[in-house]
Amino acid sequence: MQTLQRRIAALESANPPDENLTITRRIVSPGHLDAEIFRLRSGAGEAWERLPGETEQKFVDRASREVKRSACGVARLVSGDGEACHVEH
């Protein structure tokens, strides 16, 4: 077991994990799979709106920089307004 722990420590020091991780979930609906992101919200209740002329990637990058992170450096962003879609069968 000691050998395994030393090997893991050596691997982690050679390739340290990123300090910050942002998980972005893109919510899509049928027929709109390529829809661009204009709103993002975090698990902590924060919200962002895309600025006029701002590209989608720059918008996601901005929200990723501004979002509050957990003690481990992880943040969660979700696209859309969070309304549930109901389909009648």
C-alpha atoms as a PDB file:
ATOM      1  CA  MET A   1       0.000   0.000   0.000  1.00  0.00           C
ATOM      2  CA  GLN A   2       2.865   2.392   0.787  1.00  0.00           C
ATOM      3  CA  THR A   3       4.280   1.852  -2.704  1.00  0.00           C
ATOM      4  CA  LEU A   4       0.951   2.692  -4.324  1.00  0.00           C
ATOM      5  CA  GLN A   5       0.599   5.868  -2.272  1.00  0.00           C
ATOM      6  CA  ARG A   6       4.127   6.966  -3.219  1.00  0.00           C
ATOM      7  CA  ARG A   7       3.408   6.303  -6.901  1.00  0.00           C
ATOM      8  CA  ILE A   8       0.168   8.318  -6.741  1.00  0.00           C
ATOM      9  CA  ALA A   9       1.958  11.196  -4.995  1.00  0.00           C
ATOM     10  CA  ALA A  10       4.694  11.150  -7.664  1.00  0.00           C
ATOM     11  CA  LEU A  11       2.113  11.194 -10.474  1.00  0.00           C
ATOM     12  CA  GLU A  12       0.160  14.055  -8.885  1.00  0.00           C
ATOM     13  CA  SER A  13       3.304  16.134  -8.398  1.00  0.00           C
ATOM     14  CA  ALA A  14       4.341  15.539 -12.031  1.00  0.00           C
ATOM     15  CA  ASN A  15       0.843  16.386 -13.346  1.00  0.00           C
ATOM     16  CA  PRO A  16      -0.937  18.503 -10.744  1.00  0.00           C
ATOM     17  CA  PRO A  17      -4.701  18.863 -11.218  1.00  0.00           C
ATOM     18  CA  ASP A  18      -6.038  22.217 -12.387  1.00  0.00           C
ATOM     19  CA  GLU A  19      -6.727  24.523  -9.497  1.00  0.00           C
ATOM     20  CA  ASN A  20     -10.117  25.531 -10.835  1.00  0.00           C
ATOM     21  CA  LEU A  21     -12.655  23.383 -12.594  1.00  0.00           C
ATOM     22  CA  THR A  22     -15.852  24.781 -14.074  1.00  0.00           C
ATOM     23  CA  ILE A  23     -18.573  22.372 -15.109  1.00  0.00           C
ATOM     24  CA  THR A  24     -20.908  23.988 -17.636  1.00  0.00           C
ATOM     25  CA  ARG A  25     -24.178  22.236 -18.443  1.00  0.00           C
ATOM     26  CA  ARG A  26     -25.884  23.296 -21.658  1.00  0.00           C
ATOM     27  CA  ILE A  27     -29.617  22.610 -21.483  1.00  0.00           C
ATOM     28  CA  VAL A  28     -31.106  21.994 -24.936  1.00  0.00           C
ATOM     29  CA  SER A  29     -34.548  21.137 -26.233  1.00  0.00           C
ATOM     30  CA  PRO A  30     -35.607  19.132 -29.281  1.00  0.00           C
ATOM     31  CA  GLY A  31     -35.201  21.148 -32.447  1.00  0.00           C
ATOM     32  CA  HIS A  32     -32.861  23.641 -30.739  1.00  0.00           C
ATOM     33  CA  LEU A  33     -29.719  21.576 -30.187  1.00  0.00           C
ATOM     34  CA  ASP A  34     -27.436  24.335 -31.523  1.00  0.00           C
ATOM     35  CA  ALA A  35     -29.025  27.204 -29.585  1.00  0.00           C
ATOM     36  CA  GLU A  36     -26.490  29.664 -28.176  1.00  0.00           C
ATOM     37  CA  ILE A  37     -26.146  30.386 -24.471  1.00  0.00           C
ATOM     38  CA  PHE A  38     -27.478  33.781 -23.366  1.00  0.00           C
ATOM     39  CA  ARG A  39     -27.990  33.100 -19.635  1.00  0.00           C
ATOM     40  CA  LEU A  40     -25.980  31.179 -17.056  1.00  0.00           C
ATOM     41  CA  ARG A  41     -26.681  30.495 -13.414  1.00  0.00           C
ATOM     42  CA  SER A  42     -24.595  28.896 -10.702  1.00  0.00           C
ATOM     43  CA  GLY A  43     -25.433  26.467  -7.935  1.00  0.00           C
ATOM     44  CA  ALA A  44     -24.988  29.359  -5.497  1.00  0.00           C
ATOM     45  CA  GLY A  45     -27.804  31.397  -7.084  1.00  0.00           C
ATOM     46  CA  GLU A  46     -25.589  33.713  -9.117  1.00  0.00           C
ATOM     47  CA  ALA A  47     -26.761  34.643 -12.624  1.00  0.00           C
ATOM     48  CA  TRP A  48     -25.170  36.131 -15.739  1.00  0.00           C
ATOM     49  CA  GLU A  49     -26.622  37.619 -18.917  1.00  0.00           C
ATOM     50  CA  ARG A  50     -24.702  37.733 -22.171  1.00  0.00           C
ATOM     51  CA  LEU A  51     -23.717  41.290 -23.123  1.00  0.00           C
ATOM     52  CA  PRO A  52     -24.529  42.777 -26.538  1.00  0.00           C
ATOM     53  CA  GLY A  53     -21.765  41.862 -28.992  1.00  0.00           C
ATOM     54  CA  GLU A  54     -20.212  39.333 -26.605  1.00  0.00           C
ATOM     55  CA  THR A  55     -19.433  35.952 -28.167  1.00  0.00           C
ATOM     56  CA  GLU A  56     -20.765  32.838 -26.515  1.00  0.00           C
ATOM     57  CA  GLN A  57     -17.249  31.660 -25.609  1.00  0.00           C
ATOM     58  CA  LYS A  58     -16.275  35.022 -24.089  1.00  0.00           C
ATOM     59  CA  PHE A  59     -19.537  34.986 -22.118  1.00  0.00           C
ATOM     60  CA  VAL A  60     -18.864  31.501 -20.708  1.00  0.00           C
ATOM     61  CA  ASP A  61     -15.256  32.484 -19.936  1.00  0.00           C
ATOM     62  CA  ARG A  62     -16.424  35.620 -18.089  1.00  0.00           C
ATOM     63  CA  ALA A  63     -18.942  33.696 -15.990  1.00  0.00           C
ATOM     64  CA  SER A  64     -16.287  31.052 -15.252  1.00  0.00           C
ATOM     65  CA  ARG A  65     -13.943  33.747 -13.927  1.00  0.00           C
ATOM     66  CA  GLU A  66     -16.642  35.433 -11.805  1.00  0.00           C
ATOM     67  CA  VAL A  67     -18.433  32.390 -10.338  1.00  0.00           C
ATOM     68  CA  LYS A  68     -17.991  31.545  -6.659  1.00  0.00           C
ATOM     69  CA  ARG A  69     -16.132  28.260  -6.247  1.00  0.00           C
ATOM     70  CA  SER A  70     -16.254  25.505  -3.672  1.00  0.00           C
ATOM     71  CA  ALA A  71     -13.365  24.995  -1.280  1.00  0.00           C
ATOM     72  CA  CYS A  72     -11.948  22.542  -3.842  1.00  0.00           C
ATOM     73  CA  GLY A  73     -12.020  25.160  -6.619  1.00  0.00           C
ATOM     74  CA  VAL A  74     -14.984  23.648  -8.453  1.00  0.00           C
ATOM     75  CA  ALA A  75     -17.876  25.681  -9.883  1.00  0.00           C
ATOM     76  CA  ARG A  76     -21.059  24.683 -11.693  1.00  0.00           C
ATOM     77  CA  LEU A  77     -22.754  26.736 -14.387  1.00  0.00           C
ATOM     78  CA  VAL A  78     -26.072  25.842 -16.029  1.00  0.00           C
ATOM     79  CA  SER A  79     -27.388  27.415 -19.216  1.00  0.00           C
ATOM     80  CA  GLY A  80     -30.986  28.501 -19.696  1.00  0.00           C
ATOM     81  CA  ASP A  81     -33.592  29.710 -17.272  1.00  0.00           C
ATOM     82  CA  GLY A  82     -34.127  26.356 -15.560  1.00  0.00           C
ATOM     83  CA  GLU A  83     -37.766  25.958 -16.578  1.00  0.00           C
ATOM     84  CA  ALA A  84     -38.761  22.347 -16.988  1.00  0.00           C
ATOM     85  CA  CYS A  85     -40.110  21.191 -20.320  1.00  0.00           C
ATOM     86  CA  HIS A  86     -43.223  19.034 -20.266  1.00  0.00           C
ATOM     87  CA  VAL A  87     -44.114  16.832 -23.201  1.00  0.00           C
ATOM     88  CA  GLU A  88     -47.623  15.535 -23.667  1.00  0.00           C
ATOM     89  CA  HIS A  89     -47.922  11.992 -24.980  1.00  0.00           C
END
